[in-house]
Amino acid sequence: MENLIWAGAVVSVIGLFGILYCIVKVASAKRAGLPDEELRARLQKIIAINMGALFVSVIGLMMVVLGIFLG
């Protein structure tokens, strides 16, 4: 079950990098000084990526917890 824990940790870190990527993209979009509608369109795309990254991170954390319970 140690492999499940390590695999879950790797999956969680991948999700964390996705969330950090979204933070950087939102900050750069706000600094760009775009019109309101264009900024909203760009943020909607980033929100979709953010939700996916959050889902990946949660799956990784569940893998870690499952590995701890089974190990």
PDB file of N, CA and C in Angstrom:
ATOM      1  N   MET A   1       0.808  -1.194   0.000  1.00  0.00           N
ATOM      2  CA  MET A   1       0.000   0.000   0.000  1.00  0.00           C
ATOM      3  C   MET A   1       0.853   1.261   0.000  1.00  0.00           C
ATOM      4  N   GLU A   2       2.150   1.071   0.225  1.00  0.00           N
ATOM      5  CA  GLU A   2       3.042   2.218   0.187  1.00  0.00           C
ATOM      6  C   GLU A   2       3.063   2.850  -1.206  1.00  0.00           C
ATOM      7  N   ASN A   3       2.934   1.998  -2.224  1.00  0.00           N
ATOM      8  CA  ASN A   3       2.906   2.521  -3.597  1.00  0.00           C
ATOM      9  C   ASN A   3       1.669   3.389  -3.832  1.00  0.00           C
ATOM     10  N   LEU A   4       0.558   3.024  -3.245  1.00  0.00           N
ATOM     11  CA  LEU A   4      -0.663   3.821  -3.385  1.00  0.00           C
ATOM     12  C   LEU A   4      -0.497   5.187  -2.721  1.00  0.00           C
ATOM     13  N   ILE A   5       0.175   5.219  -1.602  1.00  0.00           N
ATOM     14  CA  ILE A   5       0.414   6.485  -0.906  1.00  0.00           C
ATOM     15  C   ILE A   5       1.293   7.398  -1.753  1.00  0.00           C
ATOM     16  N   TRP A   6       2.385   6.836  -2.297  1.00  0.00           N
ATOM     17  CA  TRP A   6       3.291   7.651  -3.106  1.00  0.00           C
ATOM     18  C   TRP A   6       2.631   8.096  -4.411  1.00  0.00           C
ATOM     19  N   ALA A   7       1.860   7.209  -5.027  1.00  0.00           N
ATOM     20  CA  ALA A   7       1.154   7.581  -6.253  1.00  0.00           C
ATOM     21  C   ALA A   7       0.139   8.693  -5.967  1.00  0.00           C
ATOM     22  N   GLY A   8      -0.557   8.586  -4.847  1.00  0.00           N
ATOM     23  CA  GLY A   8      -1.500   9.633  -4.460  1.00  0.00           C
ATOM     24  C   GLY A   8      -0.810  10.961  -4.201  1.00  0.00           C
ATOM     25  N   ALA A   9       0.377  10.903  -3.601  1.00  0.00           N
ATOM     26  CA  ALA A   9       1.132  12.134  -3.354  1.00  0.00           C
ATOM     27  C   ALA A   9       1.534  12.789  -4.674  1.00  0.00           C
ATOM     28  N   VAL A  10       1.946  11.979  -5.634  1.00  0.00           N
ATOM     29  CA  VAL A  10       2.335  12.516  -6.942  1.00  0.00           C
ATOM     30  C   VAL A  10       1.125  13.138  -7.640  1.00  0.00           C
ATOM     31  N   VAL A  11      -0.005  12.466  -7.593  1.00  0.00           N
ATOM     32  CA  VAL A  11      -1.224  12.993  -8.213  1.00  0.00           C
ATOM     33  C   VAL A  11      -1.641  14.297  -7.526  1.00  0.00           C
ATOM     34  N   SER A  12      -1.521  14.368  -6.224  1.00  0.00           N
ATOM     35  CA  SER A  12      -1.864  15.595  -5.499  1.00  0.00           C
ATOM     36  C   SER A  12      -0.948  16.747  -5.881  1.00  0.00           C
ATOM     37  N   VAL A  13       0.323  16.466  -6.048  1.00  0.00           N
ATOM     38  CA  VAL A  13       1.275  17.512  -6.436  1.00  0.00           C
ATOM     39  C   VAL A  13       0.979  18.002  -7.854  1.00  0.00           C
ATOM     40  N   ILE A  14       0.601  17.094  -8.745  1.00  0.00           N
ATOM     41  CA  ILE A  14       0.216  17.510 -10.100  1.00  0.00           C
ATOM     42  C   ILE A  14      -0.984  18.449 -10.031  1.00  0.00           C
ATOM     43  N   GLY A  15      -1.966  18.122  -9.207  1.00  0.00           N
ATOM     44  CA  GLY A  15      -3.122  18.997  -9.025  1.00  0.00           C
ATOM     45  C   GLY A  15      -2.735  20.340  -8.427  1.00  0.00           C
ATOM     46  N   LEU A  16      -1.792  20.324  -7.506  1.00  0.00           N
ATOM     47  CA  LEU A  16      -1.329  21.564  -6.894  1.00  0.00           C
ATOM     48  C   LEU A  16      -0.646  22.453  -7.922  1.00  0.00           C
ATOM     49  N   PHE A  17       0.156  21.861  -8.798  1.00  0.00           N
ATOM     50  CA  PHE A  17       0.783  22.647  -9.859  1.00  0.00           C
ATOM     51  C   PHE A  17      -0.264  23.241 -10.798  1.00  0.00           C
ATOM     52  N   GLY A  18      -1.334  22.507 -11.047  1.00  0.00           N
ATOM     53  CA  GLY A  18      -2.418  23.043 -11.863  1.00  0.00           C
ATOM     54  C   GLY A  18      -3.082  24.238 -11.204  1.00  0.00           C
ATOM     55  N   ILE A  19      -3.272  24.164  -9.908  1.00  0.00           N
ATOM     56  CA  ILE A  19      -3.878  25.283  -9.177  1.00  0.00           C
ATOM     57  C   ILE A  19      -2.948  26.492  -9.188  1.00  0.00           C
ATOM     58  N   LEU A  20      -1.651  26.266  -9.006  1.00  0.00           N
ATOM     59  CA  LEU A  20      -0.685  27.369  -9.058  1.00  0.00           C
ATOM     60  C   LEU A  20      -0.641  27.999 -10.454  1.00  0.00           C
ATOM     61  N   TYR A  21      -0.764  27.162 -11.483  1.00  0.00           N
ATOM     62  CA  TYR A  21      -0.816  27.659 -12.856  1.00  0.00           C
ATOM     63  C   TYR A  21      -2.015  28.593 -13.030  1.00  0.00           C
ATOM     64  N   CYS A  22      -3.138  28.207 -12.471  1.00  0.00           N
ATOM     65  CA  CYS A  22      -4.337  29.045 -12.566  1.00  0.00           C
ATOM     66  C   CYS A  22      -4.154  30.371 -11.847  1.00  0.00           C
ATOM     67  N   ILE A  23      -3.498  30.348 -10.722  1.00  0.00           N
ATOM     68  CA  ILE A  23      -3.247  31.593  -9.978  1.00  0.00           C
ATOM     69  C   ILE A  23      -2.395  32.541 -10.806  1.00  0.00           C
ATOM     70  N   VAL A  24      -1.361  32.013 -11.437  1.00  0.00           N
ATOM     71  CA  VAL A  24      -0.485  32.846 -12.261  1.00  0.00           C
ATOM     72  C   VAL A  24      -1.238  33.398 -13.466  1.00  0.00           C
ATOM     73  N   LYS A  25      -2.066  32.570 -14.113  1.00  0.00           N
ATOM     74  CA  LYS A  25      -2.817  33.022 -15.283  1.00  0.00           C
ATOM     75  C   LYS A  25      -3.839  34.102 -14.918  1.00  0.00           C
ATOM     76  N   VAL A  26      -4.502  33.960 -13.777  1.00  0.00           N
ATOM     77  CA  VAL A  26      -5.473  34.976 -13.358  1.00  0.00           C
ATOM     78  C   VAL A  26      -4.761  36.286 -13.041  1.00  0.00           C
ATOM     79  N   ALA A  27      -3.628  36.209 -12.374  1.00  0.00           N
ATOM     80  CA  ALA A  27      -2.882  37.429 -12.050  1.00  0.00           C
ATOM     81  C   ALA A  27      -2.418  38.135 -13.324  1.00  0.00           C
ATOM     82  N   SER A  28      -1.956  37.375 -14.306  1.00  0.00           N
ATOM     83  CA  SER A  28      -1.504  38.011 -15.547  1.00  0.00           C
ATOM     84  C   SER A  28      -2.684  38.573 -16.339  1.00  0.00           C
ATOM     85  N   ALA A  29      -3.830  37.910 -16.283  1.00  0.00           N
ATOM     86  CA  ALA A  29      -5.009  38.422 -16.981  1.00  0.00           C
ATOM     87  C   ALA A  29      -5.495  39.725 -16.349  1.00  0.00           C
ATOM     88  N   LYS A  30      -5.428  39.824 -15.038  1.00  0.00           N
ATOM     89  CA  LYS A  30      -5.866  41.056 -14.373  1.00  0.00           C
ATOM     90  C   LYS A  30      -4.897  42.202 -14.649  1.00  0.00           C
ATOM     91  N   ARG A  31      -3.602  41.870 -14.745  1.00  0.00           N
ATOM     92  CA  ARG A  31      -2.608  42.904 -15.021  1.00  0.00           C
ATOM     93  C   ARG A  31      -2.655  43.395 -16.466  1.00  0.00           C
ATOM     94  N   ALA A  32      -3.250  42.613 -17.360  1.00  0.00           N
ATOM     95  CA  ALA A  32      -3.258  42.962 -18.780  1.00  0.00           C
ATOM     96  C   ALA A  32      -4.172  44.150 -19.084  1.00  0.00           C
ATOM     97  N   GLY A  33      -5.067  44.462 -18.179  1.00  0.00           N
ATOM     98  CA  GLY A  33      -5.949  45.612 -18.381  1.00  0.00           C
ATOM     99  C   GLY A  33      -6.934  45.405 -19.519  1.00  0.00           C
ATOM    100  N   LEU A  34      -7.480  44.219 -19.616  1.00  0.00           N
ATOM    101  CA  LEU A  34      -8.418  43.881 -20.678  1.00  0.00           C
ATOM    102  C   LEU A  34      -9.795  44.491 -20.408  1.00  0.00           C
ATOM    103  N   PRO A  35     -10.582  44.650 -21.457  1.00  0.00           N
ATOM    104  CA  PRO A  35     -11.981  45.068 -21.247  1.00  0.00           C
ATOM    105  C   PRO A  35     -12.730  44.008 -20.430  1.00  0.00           C
ATOM    106  N   ASP A  36     -13.815  44.434 -19.829  1.00  0.00           N
ATOM    107  CA  ASP A  36     -14.529  43.583 -18.874  1.00  0.00           C
ATOM    108  C   ASP A  36     -14.982  42.254 -19.481  1.00  0.00           C
ATOM    109  N   GLU A  37     -15.568  42.294 -20.667  1.00  0.00           N
ATOM    110  CA  GLU A  37     -16.079  41.053 -21.265  1.00  0.00           C
ATOM    111  C   GLU A  37     -14.955  40.109 -21.665  1.00  0.00           C
ATOM    112  N   GLU A  38     -13.873  40.655 -22.166  1.00  0.00           N
ATOM    113  CA  GLU A  38     -12.733  39.809 -22.553  1.00  0.00           C
ATOM    114  C   GLU A  38     -12.080  39.181 -21.317  1.00  0.00           C
ATOM    115  N   LEU A  39     -12.008  39.956 -20.241  1.00  0.00           N
ATOM    116  CA  LEU A  39     -11.467  39.419 -18.992  1.00  0.00           C
ATOM    117  C   LEU A  39     -12.350  38.299 -18.466  1.00  0.00           C
ATOM    118  N   ARG A  40     -13.661  38.459 -18.526  1.00  0.00           N
ATOM    119  CA  ARG A  40     -14.576  37.404 -18.070  1.00  0.00           C
ATOM    120  C   ARG A  40     -14.425  36.142 -18.901  1.00  0.00           C
ATOM    121  N   ALA A  41     -14.277  36.286 -20.206  1.00  0.00           N
ATOM    122  CA  ALA A  41     -14.109  35.123 -21.086  1.00  0.00           C
ATOM    123  C   ALA A  41     -12.821  34.372 -20.751  1.00  0.00           C
ATOM    124  N   ARG A  42     -11.760  35.119 -20.506  1.00  0.00           N
ATOM    125  CA  ARG A  42     -10.487  34.476 -20.164  1.00  0.00           C
ATOM    126  C   ARG A  42     -10.566  33.791 -18.805  1.00  0.00           C
ATOM    127  N   LEU A  43     -11.237  34.433 -17.850  1.00  0.00           N
ATOM    128  CA  LEU A  43     -11.367  33.834 -16.520  1.00  0.00           C
ATOM    129  C   LEU A  43     -12.250  32.595 -16.533  1.00  0.00           C
ATOM    130  N   GLN A  44     -13.243  32.549 -17.407  1.00  0.00           N
ATOM    131  CA  GLN A  44     -14.083  31.356 -17.498  1.00  0.00           C
ATOM    132  C   GLN A  44     -13.279  30.147 -17.963  1.00  0.00           C
ATOM    133  N   LYS A  45     -12.353  30.353 -18.884  1.00  0.00           N
ATOM    134  CA  LYS A  45     -11.488  29.253 -19.330  1.00  0.00           C
ATOM    135  C   LYS A  45     -10.581  28.797 -18.184  1.00  0.00           C
ATOM    136  N   ILE A  46     -10.080  29.744 -17.428  1.00  0.00           N
ATOM    137  CA  ILE A  46      -9.175  29.408 -16.326  1.00  0.00           C
ATOM    138  C   ILE A  46      -9.932  28.679 -15.218  1.00  0.00           C
ATOM    139  N   ILE A  47     -11.177  29.043 -14.997  1.00  0.00           N
ATOM    140  CA  ILE A  47     -11.979  28.382 -13.963  1.00  0.00           C
ATOM    141  C   ILE A  47     -12.162  26.904 -14.283  1.00  0.00           C
ATOM    142  N   ALA A  48     -12.352  26.587 -15.566  1.00  0.00           N
ATOM    143  CA  ALA A  48     -12.490  25.184 -15.958  1.00  0.00           C
ATOM    144  C   ALA A  48     -11.210  24.398 -15.652  1.00  0.00           C
ATOM    145  N   ILE A  49     -10.078  24.993 -15.936  1.00  0.00           N
ATOM    146  CA  ILE A  49      -8.799  24.338 -15.621  1.00  0.00           C
ATOM    147  C   ILE A  49      -8.636  24.205 -14.113  1.00  0.00           C
ATOM    148  N   ASN A  50      -9.049  25.235 -13.385  1.00  0.00           N
ATOM    149  CA  ASN A  50      -8.929  25.224 -11.930  1.00  0.00           C
ATOM    150  C   ASN A  50      -9.767  24.100 -11.306  1.00  0.00           C
ATOM    151  N   MET A  51     -10.973  23.928 -11.797  1.00  0.00           N
ATOM    152  CA  MET A  51     -11.833  22.867 -11.267  1.00  0.00           C
ATOM    153  C   MET A  51     -11.233  21.487 -11.560  1.00  0.00           C
ATOM    154  N   GLY A  52     -10.669  21.315 -12.745  1.00  0.00           N
ATOM    155  CA  GLY A  52     -10.011  20.053 -13.076  1.00  0.00           C
ATOM    156  C   GLY A  52      -8.814  19.791 -12.192  1.00  0.00           C
ATOM    157  N   ALA A  53      -8.014  20.820 -11.948  1.00  0.00           N
ATOM    158  CA  ALA A  53      -6.843  20.661 -11.087  1.00  0.00           C
ATOM    159  C   ALA A  53      -7.254  20.353  -9.652  1.00  0.00           C
ATOM    160  N   LEU A  54      -8.312  20.978  -9.191  1.00  0.00           N
ATOM    161  CA  LEU A  54      -8.814  20.703  -7.848  1.00  0.00           C
ATOM    162  C   LEU A  54      -9.306  19.266  -7.740  1.00  0.00           C
ATOM    163  N   PHE A  55      -9.989  18.782  -8.776  1.00  0.00           N
ATOM    164  CA  PHE A  55     -10.462  17.400  -8.799  1.00  0.00           C
ATOM    165  C   PHE A  55      -9.291  16.417  -8.759  1.00  0.00           C
ATOM    166  N   VAL A  56      -8.253  16.685  -9.533  1.00  0.00           N
ATOM    167  CA  VAL A  56      -7.071  15.808  -9.541  1.00  0.00           C
ATOM    168  C   VAL A  56      -6.414  15.793  -8.173  1.00  0.00           C
ATOM    169  N   SER A  57      -6.315  16.949  -7.550  1.00  0.00           N
ATOM    170  CA  SER A  57      -5.706  17.032  -6.225  1.00  0.00           C
ATOM    171  C   SER A  57      -6.513  16.259  -5.184  1.00  0.00           C
ATOM    172  N   VAL A  58      -7.831  16.358  -5.244  1.00  0.00           N
ATOM    173  CA  VAL A  58      -8.685  15.634  -4.297  1.00  0.00           C
ATOM    174  C   VAL A  58      -8.569  14.126  -4.508  1.00  0.00           C
ATOM    175  N   ILE A  59      -8.521  13.687  -5.757  1.00  0.00           N
ATOM    176  CA  ILE A  59      -8.354  12.259  -6.036  1.00  0.00           C
ATOM    177  C   ILE A  59      -7.031  11.763  -5.458  1.00  0.00           C
ATOM    178  N   GLY A  60      -5.984  12.553  -5.606  1.00  0.00           N
ATOM    179  CA  GLY A  60      -4.691  12.175  -5.041  1.00  0.00           C
ATOM    180  C   GLY A  60      -4.741  12.074  -3.524  1.00  0.00           C
ATOM    181  N   LEU A  61      -5.401  13.012  -2.881  1.00  0.00           N
ATOM    182  CA  LEU A  61      -5.511  12.958  -1.426  1.00  0.00           C
ATOM    183  C   LEU A  61      -6.336  11.761  -0.972  1.00  0.00           C
ATOM    184  N   MET A  62      -7.367  11.410  -1.752  1.00  0.00           N
ATOM    185  CA  MET A  62      -8.148  10.226  -1.404  1.00  0.00           C
ATOM    186  C   MET A  62      -7.303   8.963  -1.566  1.00  0.00           C
ATOM    187  N   MET A  63      -6.429   8.937  -2.555  1.00  0.00           N
ATOM    188  CA  MET A  63      -5.535   7.790  -2.731  1.00  0.00           C
ATOM    189  C   MET A  63      -4.598   7.650  -1.534  1.00  0.00           C
ATOM    190  N   VAL A  64      -4.092   8.768  -1.043  1.00  0.00           N
ATOM    191  CA  VAL A  64      -3.204   8.737   0.124  1.00  0.00           C
ATOM    192  C   VAL A  64      -3.952   8.214   1.345  1.00  0.00           C
ATOM    193  N   VAL A  65      -5.135   8.717   1.588  1.00  0.00           N
ATOM    194  CA  VAL A  65      -5.924   8.285   2.747  1.00  0.00           C
ATOM    195  C   VAL A  65      -6.265   6.796   2.625  1.00  0.00           C
ATOM    196  N   LEU A  66      -6.648   6.371   1.442  1.00  0.00           N
ATOM    197  CA  LEU A  66      -6.955   4.956   1.229  1.00  0.00           C
ATOM    198  C   LEU A  66      -5.732   4.083   1.463  1.00  0.00           C
ATOM    199  N   GLY A  67      -4.583   4.523   1.005  1.00  0.00           N
ATOM    200  CA  GLY A  67      -3.350   3.779   1.228  1.00  0.00           C
ATOM    201  C   GLY A  67      -3.000   3.684   2.709  1.00  0.00           C
ATOM    202  N   ILE A  68      -3.274   4.756   3.458  1.00  0.00           N
ATOM    203  CA  ILE A  68      -2.981   4.737   4.897  1.00  0.00           C
ATOM    204  C   ILE A  68      -3.932   3.776   5.606  1.00  0.00           C
ATOM    205  N   PHE A  69      -5.218   3.818   5.238  1.00  0.00           N
ATOM    206  CA  PHE A  69      -6.196   2.923   5.877  1.00  0.00           C
ATOM    207  C   PHE A  69      -5.924   1.461   5.570  1.00  0.00           C
ATOM    208  N   LEU A  70      -5.517   1.172   4.354  1.00  0.00           N
ATOM    209  CA  LEU A  70      -5.284  -0.218   3.968  1.00  0.00           C
ATOM    210  C   LEU A  70      -3.925  -0.742   4.407  1.00  0.00           C
ATOM    211  N   GLY A  71      -3.001   0.178   4.689  1.00  0.00           N
ATOM    212  CA  GLY A  71      -1.641  -0.235   5.036  1.00  0.00           C
ATOM    213  C   GLY A  71      -1.426  -0.486   6.455  1.00  0.00           C
TER     214      GLY A  71
END
